[in-house]
C-alpha cells in the first residue's frame, strides 16, 4: 500500500436493499398519515395559532329578540384574477364593493351568501376589528375547517343587541386581510 491509498468501505446489495425498504416504508407511512389527516394539517389552527389570532372557547353571544325590521342582504364572495384581492359583491373601486349595512338595535339582518369565486370561503359577523375570530351568535355560514366550495351558499341571520360597529367577514384565515370585510353600523 502506498501513502495515498484510502480505505474504501463497501456494503452488500442485500444491505442496500434493506436500507431502501426501510426508507420507502417511512415515506409511505408518512404520506398515509399526512394525507389521511389532510383537513387537520391544512385547515385547523394549532392552539398557539388560535391564541395568536385571538380565538377563544368563549360561549356565543346570547340570542337577541327581533324588535325591528328585516334587512335582507345578498353577499357574493369574489376574487381578483390574480387572487391578491378578495371582496364581497365587487372588487375595490367598483360600485357595490363590501357594502356598508346600516341597522338599528333589534333589526334582523338576513344574509344570503354565495361563493361566486374560485377559492374556499366562510362567513360570519364579529365585533373584532381584526382577525377572524369572535363570530357572533348564529351568523356563521360554513367555517374555516369546512368552507363553502365555489358555487355553494347559505343563509344566516344576525340581530344586533347593542349599538356599535360590527364587521361581516370571510372567516378563512387571511381572507379578511385581503379585503373580505364589510361594516355593519348599528344605531
N, C-alpha and C. Protein backbone atom coordinates (compact mmCIF):
# COMPACT_ATOMS: atom_id res chain seq x y z
N UNK A 1 0.83 -1.18 0.00
CA UNK A 1 0.00 0.00 0.00
C UNK A 1 0.88 1.25 0.00
N UNK A 2 0.42 2.22 -0.76
CA UNK A 2 1.16 3.48 -0.78
C UNK A 2 0.52 4.44 0.21
N UNK A 3 1.16 5.56 0.41
CA UNK A 3 0.65 6.52 1.37
C UNK A 3 -0.63 7.21 0.88
N UNK A 4 -0.97 7.12 -0.40
CA UNK A 4 -2.17 7.77 -0.95
C UNK A 4 -3.38 6.84 -1.02
N UNK A 5 -3.19 5.59 -0.70
CA UNK A 5 -4.32 4.65 -0.72
C UNK A 5 -5.23 4.94 0.47
N UNK A 6 -6.54 4.94 0.20
CA UNK A 6 -7.53 5.15 1.26
C UNK A 6 -8.37 3.90 1.38
N UNK A 7 -8.89 3.70 2.56
CA UNK A 7 -9.76 2.56 2.77
C UNK A 7 -11.10 2.84 2.11
N UNK A 8 -11.60 1.91 1.33
CA UNK A 8 -12.89 2.06 0.67
C UNK A 8 -13.85 1.13 1.38
N UNK A 9 -14.92 1.72 1.92
CA UNK A 9 -15.91 0.93 2.62
C UNK A 9 -16.95 0.46 1.62
N UNK A 10 -17.28 -0.79 1.65
CA UNK A 10 -18.25 -1.35 0.72
C UNK A 10 -19.33 -2.06 1.52
N UNK A 11 -20.47 -2.19 0.89
CA UNK A 11 -21.56 -2.92 1.53
C UNK A 11 -22.14 -3.89 0.52
N UNK A 12 -22.96 -4.76 1.00
CA UNK A 12 -23.52 -5.77 0.11
C UNK A 12 -24.83 -5.27 -0.49
N UNK A 13 -25.22 -5.80 -1.65
CA UNK A 13 -26.51 -5.41 -2.23
C UNK A 13 -27.68 -5.72 -1.30
N UNK A 14 -27.58 -6.73 -0.49
CA UNK A 14 -28.64 -7.08 0.45
C UNK A 14 -28.86 -5.99 1.49
N UNK A 15 -27.75 -5.43 1.98
CA UNK A 15 -27.86 -4.35 2.97
C UNK A 15 -28.43 -3.08 2.34
N UNK A 16 -28.06 -2.79 1.11
CA UNK A 16 -28.61 -1.62 0.41
C UNK A 16 -30.12 -1.82 0.20
N UNK A 17 -30.52 -3.02 -0.15
CA UNK A 17 -31.94 -3.33 -0.33
C UNK A 17 -32.74 -3.14 0.95
N UNK A 18 -32.19 -3.58 2.08
CA UNK A 18 -32.85 -3.40 3.37
C UNK A 18 -33.00 -1.91 3.70
N UNK A 19 -31.94 -1.13 3.46
CA UNK A 19 -31.99 0.29 3.72
C UNK A 19 -33.06 0.96 2.86
N UNK A 20 -33.11 0.62 1.60
CA UNK A 20 -34.11 1.20 0.70
C UNK A 20 -35.53 0.81 1.13
N UNK A 21 -35.71 -0.42 1.56
CA UNK A 21 -37.03 -0.87 2.03
C UNK A 21 -37.47 -0.05 3.25
N UNK A 22 -36.56 0.20 4.16
CA UNK A 22 -36.88 1.00 5.35
C UNK A 22 -37.23 2.42 4.94
N UNK A 23 -36.45 3.03 4.06
CA UNK A 23 -36.72 4.40 3.65
C UNK A 23 -38.04 4.53 2.91
N UNK A 24 -38.32 3.62 2.00
CA UNK A 24 -39.59 3.66 1.26
C UNK A 24 -40.76 3.45 2.23
N UNK A 25 -40.59 2.54 3.20
CA UNK A 25 -41.64 2.32 4.19
C UNK A 25 -41.93 3.57 5.00
N UNK A 26 -40.88 4.30 5.40
CA UNK A 26 -41.08 5.55 6.14
C UNK A 26 -41.82 6.59 5.31
N UNK A 27 -41.47 6.71 4.03
CA UNK A 27 -42.13 7.67 3.16
C UNK A 27 -43.61 7.31 2.98
N UNK A 28 -43.90 6.03 2.79
CA UNK A 28 -45.29 5.59 2.60
C UNK A 28 -46.11 5.84 3.87
N UNK A 29 -45.58 5.47 5.02
CA UNK A 29 -46.30 5.68 6.29
C UNK A 29 -46.51 7.17 6.53
N UNK A 30 -45.49 7.98 6.29
CA UNK A 30 -45.63 9.43 6.46
C UNK A 30 -46.67 10.00 5.51
N UNK A 31 -46.69 9.54 4.26
CA UNK A 31 -47.68 10.01 3.29
C UNK A 31 -49.10 9.63 3.70
N UNK A 32 -49.28 8.41 4.19
CA UNK A 32 -50.61 7.98 4.64
C UNK A 32 -51.09 8.85 5.80
N UNK A 33 -50.21 9.11 6.75
CA UNK A 33 -50.59 9.96 7.89
C UNK A 33 -50.93 11.36 7.41
N UNK A 34 -50.08 11.95 6.57
CA UNK A 34 -50.31 13.32 6.11
C UNK A 34 -51.60 13.44 5.33
N UNK A 35 -51.82 12.57 4.35
CA UNK A 35 -53.00 12.72 3.50
C UNK A 35 -54.29 12.25 4.17
N UNK A 36 -54.21 11.33 5.11
CA UNK A 36 -55.44 10.93 5.81
C UNK A 36 -55.89 12.00 6.79
N UNK A 37 -55.00 12.84 7.25
CA UNK A 37 -55.34 13.92 8.16
C UNK A 37 -55.23 15.26 7.46
N UNK A 38 -55.46 15.29 6.17
CA UNK A 38 -55.26 16.49 5.36
C UNK A 38 -56.00 17.70 5.87
N UNK A 39 -57.28 17.56 6.26
CA UNK A 39 -58.03 18.70 6.75
C UNK A 39 -57.40 19.26 8.02
N UNK A 40 -56.93 18.37 8.88
CA UNK A 40 -56.31 18.84 10.11
C UNK A 40 -55.05 19.63 9.81
N UNK A 41 -54.20 19.10 8.95
CA UNK A 41 -52.92 19.75 8.69
C UNK A 41 -53.10 21.05 7.91
N UNK A 42 -54.12 21.14 7.10
CA UNK A 42 -54.28 22.30 6.23
C UNK A 42 -55.15 23.37 6.89
N UNK A 43 -56.22 23.01 7.55
CA UNK A 43 -57.22 23.97 7.99
C UNK A 43 -57.20 24.28 9.48
N UNK A 44 -56.91 23.34 10.29
CA UNK A 44 -57.03 23.52 11.74
C UNK A 44 -55.85 24.30 12.29
N UNK A 45 -56.14 25.33 13.05
CA UNK A 45 -55.07 26.08 13.69
C UNK A 45 -54.59 25.35 14.94
N UNK A 46 -53.31 25.47 15.21
CA UNK A 46 -52.77 24.91 16.43
C UNK A 46 -53.24 25.76 17.61
N UNK A 47 -53.15 25.25 18.84
CA UNK A 47 -53.53 26.07 19.99
C UNK A 47 -52.77 27.40 20.04
N UNK A 48 -51.49 27.38 19.67
CA UNK A 48 -50.71 28.62 19.65
C UNK A 48 -51.25 29.56 18.57
N UNK A 49 -51.60 29.02 17.41
CA UNK A 49 -52.16 29.84 16.34
C UNK A 49 -53.50 30.45 16.74
N UNK A 50 -54.33 29.67 17.45
CA UNK A 50 -55.61 30.19 17.91
C UNK A 50 -55.41 31.31 18.92
N UNK A 51 -54.45 31.16 19.82
CA UNK A 51 -54.17 32.20 20.81
C UNK A 51 -53.66 33.46 20.10
N UNK A 52 -52.79 33.29 19.12
CA UNK A 52 -52.26 34.43 18.36
C UNK A 52 -53.37 35.15 17.62
N UNK A 53 -54.33 34.41 17.07
CA UNK A 53 -55.43 35.01 16.32
C UNK A 53 -56.53 35.55 17.23
N UNK A 54 -56.44 35.29 18.52
CA UNK A 54 -57.44 35.80 19.45
C UNK A 54 -58.70 34.96 19.51
N UNK A 55 -58.62 33.71 19.07
CA UNK A 55 -59.78 32.83 19.08
C UNK A 55 -59.82 32.11 20.44
N UNK A 56 -60.95 32.19 21.10
CA UNK A 56 -61.09 31.54 22.40
C UNK A 56 -62.31 30.63 22.36
N UNK A 57 -62.46 29.86 23.40
CA UNK A 57 -63.61 28.97 23.51
C UNK A 57 -64.73 29.62 24.30
N UNK A 58 -64.84 30.94 24.22
CA UNK A 58 -65.89 31.64 24.95
C UNK A 58 -67.25 31.27 24.37
N UNK A 59 -68.28 31.23 25.20
CA UNK A 59 -69.60 30.91 24.69
C UNK A 59 -70.10 31.99 23.72
N UNK A 60 -70.96 31.59 22.82
CA UNK A 60 -71.53 32.52 21.85
C UNK A 60 -72.37 33.57 22.55
N UNK A 61 -72.54 34.70 21.87
CA UNK A 61 -73.35 35.78 22.44
C UNK A 61 -74.79 35.30 22.64
N UNK A 62 -75.45 35.79 23.68
CA UNK A 62 -76.82 35.36 23.91
C UNK A 62 -77.72 35.81 22.77
N UNK A 63 -78.77 35.05 22.54
CA UNK A 63 -79.72 35.38 21.48
C UNK A 63 -80.42 36.68 21.81
N UNK A 64 -80.67 37.47 20.76
CA UNK A 64 -81.34 38.76 20.91
C UNK A 64 -82.68 38.66 20.18
N UNK A 65 -83.74 39.15 20.81
CA UNK A 65 -85.06 39.11 20.18
C UNK A 65 -85.17 40.18 19.11
N UNK A 66 -85.83 39.83 18.03
CA UNK A 66 -86.05 40.80 16.96
C UNK A 66 -87.15 41.77 17.38
N UNK A 67 -86.82 43.05 17.32
CA UNK A 67 -87.81 44.08 17.64
C UNK A 67 -87.95 45.08 16.50
N UNK A 68 -87.16 44.90 15.45
CA UNK A 68 -87.16 45.86 14.35
C UNK A 68 -87.49 45.21 13.03
N UNK A 69 -86.96 45.81 11.98
CA UNK A 69 -87.26 45.41 10.60
C UNK A 69 -86.35 44.27 10.14
N UNK A 70 -86.79 43.60 9.08
CA UNK A 70 -85.96 42.62 8.38
C UNK A 70 -85.14 43.35 7.33
N UNK A 71 -83.85 43.07 7.29
CA UNK A 71 -82.97 43.69 6.30
C UNK A 71 -82.30 42.56 5.52
N UNK A 72 -82.80 42.24 4.32
CA UNK A 72 -82.16 41.19 3.53
C UNK A 72 -80.92 41.73 2.80
N UNK A 73 -79.84 40.99 2.87
CA UNK A 73 -78.57 41.38 2.24
C UNK A 73 -78.05 40.19 1.45
N UNK A 74 -77.68 40.42 0.20
CA UNK A 74 -77.07 39.37 -0.62
C UNK A 74 -75.59 39.69 -0.76
N UNK A 75 -74.75 38.72 -0.41
CA UNK A 75 -73.30 38.90 -0.50
C UNK A 75 -72.70 37.75 -1.30
N UNK A 76 -71.90 38.12 -2.30
CA UNK A 76 -71.18 37.13 -3.10
C UNK A 76 -69.69 37.24 -2.80
N UNK A 77 -69.04 36.12 -2.51
CA UNK A 77 -67.59 36.10 -2.36
C UNK A 77 -66.98 36.17 -3.76
N UNK A 78 -66.04 37.09 -3.98
CA UNK A 78 -65.36 37.16 -5.27
C UNK A 78 -63.86 37.39 -5.05
N UNK A 79 -63.07 37.09 -6.08
CA UNK A 79 -61.63 37.32 -6.03
C UNK A 79 -61.18 38.01 -7.30
N UNK A 80 -60.05 38.73 -7.22
CA UNK A 80 -59.45 39.29 -8.43
C UNK A 80 -58.82 38.15 -9.22
N UNK A 81 -58.50 38.41 -10.48
CA UNK A 81 -57.93 37.35 -11.33
C UNK A 81 -56.63 36.81 -10.78
N UNK A 82 -55.84 37.65 -10.10
CA UNK A 82 -54.56 37.19 -9.55
C UNK A 82 -54.68 36.70 -8.09
N UNK A 83 -55.89 36.67 -7.55
CA UNK A 83 -56.19 36.21 -6.19
C UNK A 83 -55.49 37.04 -5.11
N UNK A 84 -55.07 38.25 -5.42
CA UNK A 84 -54.44 39.10 -4.41
C UNK A 84 -55.45 39.98 -3.69
N UNK A 85 -56.61 40.15 -4.29
CA UNK A 85 -57.65 40.96 -3.69
C UNK A 85 -58.92 40.13 -3.60
N UNK A 86 -59.51 40.09 -2.42
CA UNK A 86 -60.76 39.38 -2.19
C UNK A 86 -61.78 40.40 -1.73
N UNK A 87 -63.06 40.17 -2.03
CA UNK A 87 -64.07 41.14 -1.65
C UNK A 87 -65.46 40.50 -1.67
N UNK A 88 -66.43 41.30 -1.25
CA UNK A 88 -67.84 40.92 -1.34
C UNK A 88 -68.47 41.75 -2.46
N UNK A 89 -69.21 41.11 -3.34
CA UNK A 89 -70.04 41.70 -4.40
C UNK A 89 -69.26 42.35 -5.53
N UNK A 90 -68.22 43.13 -5.27
CA UNK A 90 -67.45 43.80 -6.32
C UNK A 90 -66.05 44.09 -5.79
N UNK A 91 -65.10 44.19 -6.70
CA UNK A 91 -63.73 44.49 -6.31
C UNK A 91 -63.61 45.96 -5.89
N UNK A 92 -62.57 46.31 -5.14
CA UNK A 92 -62.40 47.71 -4.74
C UNK A 92 -62.44 48.64 -5.95
N UNK A 93 -62.92 49.84 -5.74
CA UNK A 93 -63.09 50.86 -6.78
C UNK A 93 -64.20 50.53 -7.77
N UNK A 94 -64.99 49.50 -7.49
CA UNK A 94 -66.17 49.18 -8.30
C UNK A 94 -67.41 49.42 -7.43
N UNK A 95 -68.53 49.81 -8.04
CA UNK A 95 -69.75 50.03 -7.24
C UNK A 95 -70.20 48.73 -6.56
N UNK A 96 -70.62 48.85 -5.31
CA UNK A 96 -71.14 47.70 -4.58
C UNK A 96 -70.10 46.92 -3.80
N UNK A 97 -68.83 47.40 -3.77
CA UNK A 97 -67.77 46.70 -3.05
C UNK A 97 -68.03 46.74 -1.55
N UNK A 98 -68.05 45.58 -0.92
CA UNK A 98 -68.21 45.44 0.54
C UNK A 98 -69.20 46.47 1.09
N UNK A 99 -70.48 46.34 0.73
CA UNK A 99 -71.45 47.38 1.12
C UNK A 99 -71.56 47.55 2.63
N UNK A 100 -71.69 48.81 3.04
CA UNK A 100 -71.92 49.13 4.45
C UNK A 100 -73.41 48.91 4.74
N UNK A 101 -73.68 48.23 5.84
CA UNK A 101 -75.06 47.93 6.23
C UNK A 101 -75.41 48.82 7.42
N UNK A 102 -76.51 49.54 7.31
CA UNK A 102 -76.99 50.37 8.41
C UNK A 102 -78.22 49.71 9.02
N UNK A 103 -78.20 49.56 10.33
CA UNK A 103 -79.30 48.88 11.03
C UNK A 103 -79.52 49.55 12.38
N UNK A 104 -80.58 49.13 13.03
CA UNK A 104 -80.89 49.59 14.39
C UNK A 104 -80.88 48.37 15.31
N UNK A 105 -80.68 48.62 16.58
CA UNK A 105 -80.72 47.54 17.56
C UNK A 105 -82.04 46.81 17.42
N UNK A 106 -82.00 45.49 17.30
CA UNK A 106 -83.21 44.69 17.18
C UNK A 106 -83.61 44.36 15.75
N UNK A 107 -83.02 45.04 14.75
CA UNK A 107 -83.29 44.67 13.36
C UNK A 107 -82.70 43.29 13.08
N UNK A 108 -83.33 42.55 12.18
CA UNK A 108 -82.82 41.25 11.80
C UNK A 108 -82.19 41.38 10.42
N UNK A 109 -80.87 41.18 10.35
CA UNK A 109 -80.15 41.22 9.09
C UNK A 109 -80.07 39.78 8.58
N UNK A 110 -80.64 39.56 7.41
CA UNK A 110 -80.68 38.21 6.82
C UNK A 110 -79.66 38.18 5.69
N UNK A 111 -78.60 37.41 5.89
CA UNK A 111 -77.52 37.30 4.91
C UNK A 111 -77.77 36.12 3.98
N UNK A 112 -77.82 36.39 2.69
CA UNK A 112 -77.85 35.34 1.67
C UNK A 112 -76.46 35.33 1.04
N UNK A 113 -75.72 34.27 1.31
CA UNK A 113 -74.31 34.18 0.94
C UNK A 113 -74.15 33.22 -0.23
N UNK A 114 -73.29 33.61 -1.20
CA UNK A 114 -72.96 32.73 -2.33
C UNK A 114 -71.47 32.82 -2.59
N UNK A 115 -70.82 31.69 -2.71
CA UNK A 115 -69.41 31.68 -3.09
C UNK A 115 -69.36 31.74 -4.62
N UNK A 116 -69.25 32.96 -5.15
CA UNK A 116 -69.19 33.17 -6.60
C UNK A 116 -67.74 33.18 -7.07
N UNK A 117 -66.81 32.87 -6.19
CA UNK A 117 -65.40 32.85 -6.55
C UNK A 117 -64.91 31.46 -6.89
N UNK A 118 -63.58 31.31 -6.91
CA UNK A 118 -62.96 30.04 -7.24
C UNK A 118 -62.21 29.43 -6.06
N UNK A 119 -62.19 30.16 -4.95
CA UNK A 119 -61.50 29.70 -3.75
C UNK A 119 -62.52 29.24 -2.72
N UNK A 120 -62.05 28.79 -1.57
CA UNK A 120 -62.92 28.38 -0.47
C UNK A 120 -63.16 29.56 0.46
N UNK A 121 -64.40 29.71 0.96
CA UNK A 121 -64.72 30.82 1.83
C UNK A 121 -65.69 30.39 2.93
N UNK A 122 -65.77 31.20 3.99
CA UNK A 122 -66.72 31.01 5.08
C UNK A 122 -67.12 32.41 5.55
N UNK A 123 -68.25 32.51 6.27
CA UNK A 123 -68.82 33.81 6.60
C UNK A 123 -69.15 33.90 8.07
N UNK A 124 -69.07 35.13 8.61
CA UNK A 124 -69.50 35.37 9.97
C UNK A 124 -69.49 36.85 10.29
N UNK A 125 -70.16 37.22 11.38
CA UNK A 125 -70.20 38.60 11.87
C UNK A 125 -69.44 38.65 13.18
N UNK A 126 -68.62 39.67 13.35
CA UNK A 126 -67.79 39.81 14.54
C UNK A 126 -67.73 41.26 15.00
N UNK A 127 -67.39 41.45 16.26
CA UNK A 127 -67.11 42.78 16.80
C UNK A 127 -65.62 43.10 16.69
N UNK A 128 -64.79 42.08 16.47
CA UNK A 128 -63.35 42.25 16.42
C UNK A 128 -62.94 43.08 15.21
N UNK A 129 -62.05 44.05 15.45
CA UNK A 129 -61.61 44.92 14.37
C UNK A 129 -60.59 44.27 13.45
N UNK A 130 -60.03 43.15 13.87
CA UNK A 130 -59.10 42.41 13.01
C UNK A 130 -59.14 40.94 13.39
N UNK A 131 -58.56 40.12 12.55
CA UNK A 131 -58.57 38.68 12.78
C UNK A 131 -59.84 38.04 12.25
N UNK A 132 -60.00 36.75 12.54
CA UNK A 132 -61.13 36.00 12.01
C UNK A 132 -61.88 35.25 13.09
N UNK A 133 -61.74 35.67 14.32
CA UNK A 133 -62.42 35.00 15.42
C UNK A 133 -63.57 35.83 15.96
N UNK A 134 -64.13 35.37 17.06
CA UNK A 134 -65.19 36.10 17.75
C UNK A 134 -66.49 36.17 16.97
N UNK A 135 -66.82 35.14 16.20
CA UNK A 135 -68.04 35.15 15.41
C UNK A 135 -69.25 35.12 16.34
N UNK A 136 -70.20 36.00 16.07
CA UNK A 136 -71.35 36.20 16.95
C UNK A 136 -72.54 35.31 16.60
N UNK A 137 -73.15 34.77 17.64
CA UNK A 137 -74.41 34.04 17.52
C UNK A 137 -74.46 33.04 16.38
N UNK A 138 -75.55 33.08 15.66
CA UNK A 138 -75.74 32.13 14.55
C UNK A 138 -75.45 32.79 13.21
N UNK A 139 -74.49 33.72 13.19
CA UNK A 139 -74.21 34.44 11.95
C UNK A 139 -73.29 33.67 11.00
N UNK A 140 -72.71 32.57 11.45
CA UNK A 140 -71.75 31.84 10.63
C UNK A 140 -72.43 31.06 9.51
N UNK A 141 -71.79 31.08 8.36
CA UNK A 141 -72.14 30.20 7.24
C UNK A 141 -70.86 29.46 6.89
N UNK A 142 -70.84 28.16 7.11
CA UNK A 142 -69.65 27.33 6.95
C UNK A 142 -68.61 27.73 8.00
N UNK A 143 -67.40 27.21 7.88
CA UNK A 143 -66.33 27.51 8.83
C UNK A 143 -65.00 27.33 8.12
N UNK A 144 -63.92 27.83 8.70
CA UNK A 144 -62.63 27.62 8.05
C UNK A 144 -62.28 26.15 7.88
N UNK A 145 -62.76 25.29 8.77
CA UNK A 145 -62.49 23.86 8.68
C UNK A 145 -63.41 23.15 7.70
N UNK A 146 -64.53 23.75 7.38
CA UNK A 146 -65.49 23.18 6.44
C UNK A 146 -66.09 24.32 5.61
N UNK A 147 -65.27 24.90 4.71
CA UNK A 147 -65.70 26.10 3.99
C UNK A 147 -66.67 25.82 2.85
N UNK A 148 -67.22 26.92 2.32
CA UNK A 148 -68.07 26.83 1.13
C UNK A 148 -67.17 26.65 -0.10
N UNK A 149 -67.49 25.66 -0.90
CA UNK A 149 -66.77 25.46 -2.15
C UNK A 149 -67.37 26.40 -3.20
N UNK A 150 -66.67 26.64 -4.30
CA UNK A 150 -67.23 27.50 -5.35
C UNK A 150 -68.63 27.05 -5.77
N UNK A 151 -69.55 28.00 -5.84
CA UNK A 151 -70.93 27.71 -6.22
C UNK A 151 -71.84 27.40 -5.05
N UNK A 152 -71.30 27.12 -3.89
CA UNK A 152 -72.13 26.83 -2.72
C UNK A 152 -72.52 28.12 -2.01
N UNK A 153 -73.56 28.05 -1.21
CA UNK A 153 -74.04 29.23 -0.49
C UNK A 153 -74.76 28.84 0.77
N UNK A 154 -75.35 29.83 1.41
CA UNK A 154 -76.10 29.60 2.63
C UNK A 154 -76.75 30.87 3.11
N UNK A 155 -77.49 30.73 4.20
CA UNK A 155 -78.21 31.87 4.78
C UNK A 155 -77.94 31.91 6.27
N UNK A 156 -77.80 33.12 6.79
CA UNK A 156 -77.68 33.28 8.24
C UNK A 156 -78.38 34.56 8.65
N UNK A 157 -78.61 34.68 9.93
CA UNK A 157 -79.28 35.86 10.47
C UNK A 157 -78.44 36.44 11.59
N UNK A 158 -78.53 37.75 11.73
CA UNK A 158 -77.84 38.44 12.80
C UNK A 158 -78.75 39.55 13.32
N UNK A 159 -79.00 39.54 14.62
CA UNK A 159 -79.81 40.58 15.26
C UNK A 159 -78.90 41.29 16.27
N UNK A 160 -78.48 42.53 15.96
CA UNK A 160 -77.60 43.23 16.89
C UNK A 160 -78.34 43.62 18.16
N UNK A 161 -77.71 43.36 19.29
CA UNK A 161 -78.32 43.67 20.58
C UNK A 161 -77.84 44.98 21.18
N UNK A 162 -76.78 45.54 20.61
CA UNK A 162 -76.22 46.79 21.13
C UNK A 162 -75.78 47.65 19.96
N UNK A 163 -75.80 48.98 20.14
CA UNK A 163 -75.28 49.85 19.09
C UNK A 163 -73.77 49.70 18.98
N UNK A 164 -73.24 50.01 17.81
CA UNK A 164 -71.80 49.93 17.62
C UNK A 164 -71.46 49.55 16.19
N UNK A 165 -70.20 49.26 15.98
CA UNK A 165 -69.73 48.85 14.66
C UNK A 165 -69.41 47.36 14.69
N UNK A 166 -70.03 46.63 13.80
CA UNK A 166 -69.81 45.21 13.64
C UNK A 166 -69.17 45.01 12.27
N UNK A 167 -68.61 43.84 12.05
CA UNK A 167 -67.97 43.55 10.78
C UNK A 167 -68.44 42.20 10.26
N UNK A 168 -68.79 42.14 8.99
CA UNK A 168 -69.03 40.84 8.36
C UNK A 168 -67.77 40.50 7.58
N UNK A 169 -67.31 39.27 7.72
CA UNK A 169 -66.00 38.89 7.20
C UNK A 169 -66.03 37.48 6.61
N UNK A 170 -65.00 37.19 5.83
CA UNK A 170 -64.70 35.81 5.48
C UNK A 170 -63.85 35.28 6.63
N UNK A 171 -64.26 34.17 7.22
CA UNK A 171 -63.57 33.66 8.40
C UNK A 171 -62.41 32.72 8.06
N UNK A 172 -62.12 32.53 6.77
CA UNK A 172 -60.94 31.75 6.40
C UNK A 172 -59.71 32.60 6.72
N UNK A 173 -58.74 32.06 7.44
CA UNK A 173 -57.58 32.86 7.83
C UNK A 173 -56.92 33.56 6.64
N UNK A 174 -56.68 34.86 6.80
CA UNK A 174 -56.02 35.66 5.78
C UNK A 174 -56.95 36.36 4.82
N UNK A 175 -58.18 35.86 4.65
CA UNK A 175 -59.08 36.45 3.66
C UNK A 175 -59.57 37.84 4.07
N UNK A 176 -59.77 38.06 5.36
CA UNK A 176 -60.19 39.40 5.82
C UNK A 176 -59.11 40.42 5.47
N UNK A 177 -57.85 40.05 5.71
CA UNK A 177 -56.74 40.96 5.44
C UNK A 177 -56.59 41.24 3.94
N UNK A 178 -57.09 40.35 3.11
CA UNK A 178 -57.01 40.53 1.65
C UNK A 178 -58.22 41.29 1.11
N UNK A 179 -59.14 41.74 1.99
CA UNK A 179 -60.23 42.60 1.56
C UNK A 179 -61.63 42.11 1.81
N UNK A 180 -61.82 40.89 2.33
CA UNK A 180 -63.16 40.37 2.57
C UNK A 180 -63.68 40.81 3.94
N UNK A 181 -64.03 42.08 4.02
CA UNK A 181 -64.57 42.63 5.26
C UNK A 181 -65.49 43.80 4.91
N UNK A 182 -66.63 43.83 5.56
CA UNK A 182 -67.58 44.92 5.39
C UNK A 182 -68.05 45.39 6.76
N UNK A 183 -68.67 46.55 6.80
CA UNK A 183 -69.06 47.17 8.06
C UNK A 183 -70.57 47.15 8.25
N UNK A 184 -70.99 46.88 9.49
CA UNK A 184 -72.40 46.99 9.89
C UNK A 184 -72.44 48.07 10.96
N UNK A 185 -73.14 49.15 10.70
CA UNK A 185 -73.25 50.24 11.66
C UNK A 185 -74.63 50.15 12.31
N UNK A 186 -74.63 49.95 13.63
CA UNK A 186 -75.88 49.77 14.37
C UNK A 186 -76.10 50.97 15.28
N UNK A 187 -77.28 51.58 15.14
CA UNK A 187 -77.66 52.74 15.96
C UNK A 187 -78.64 52.33 17.03
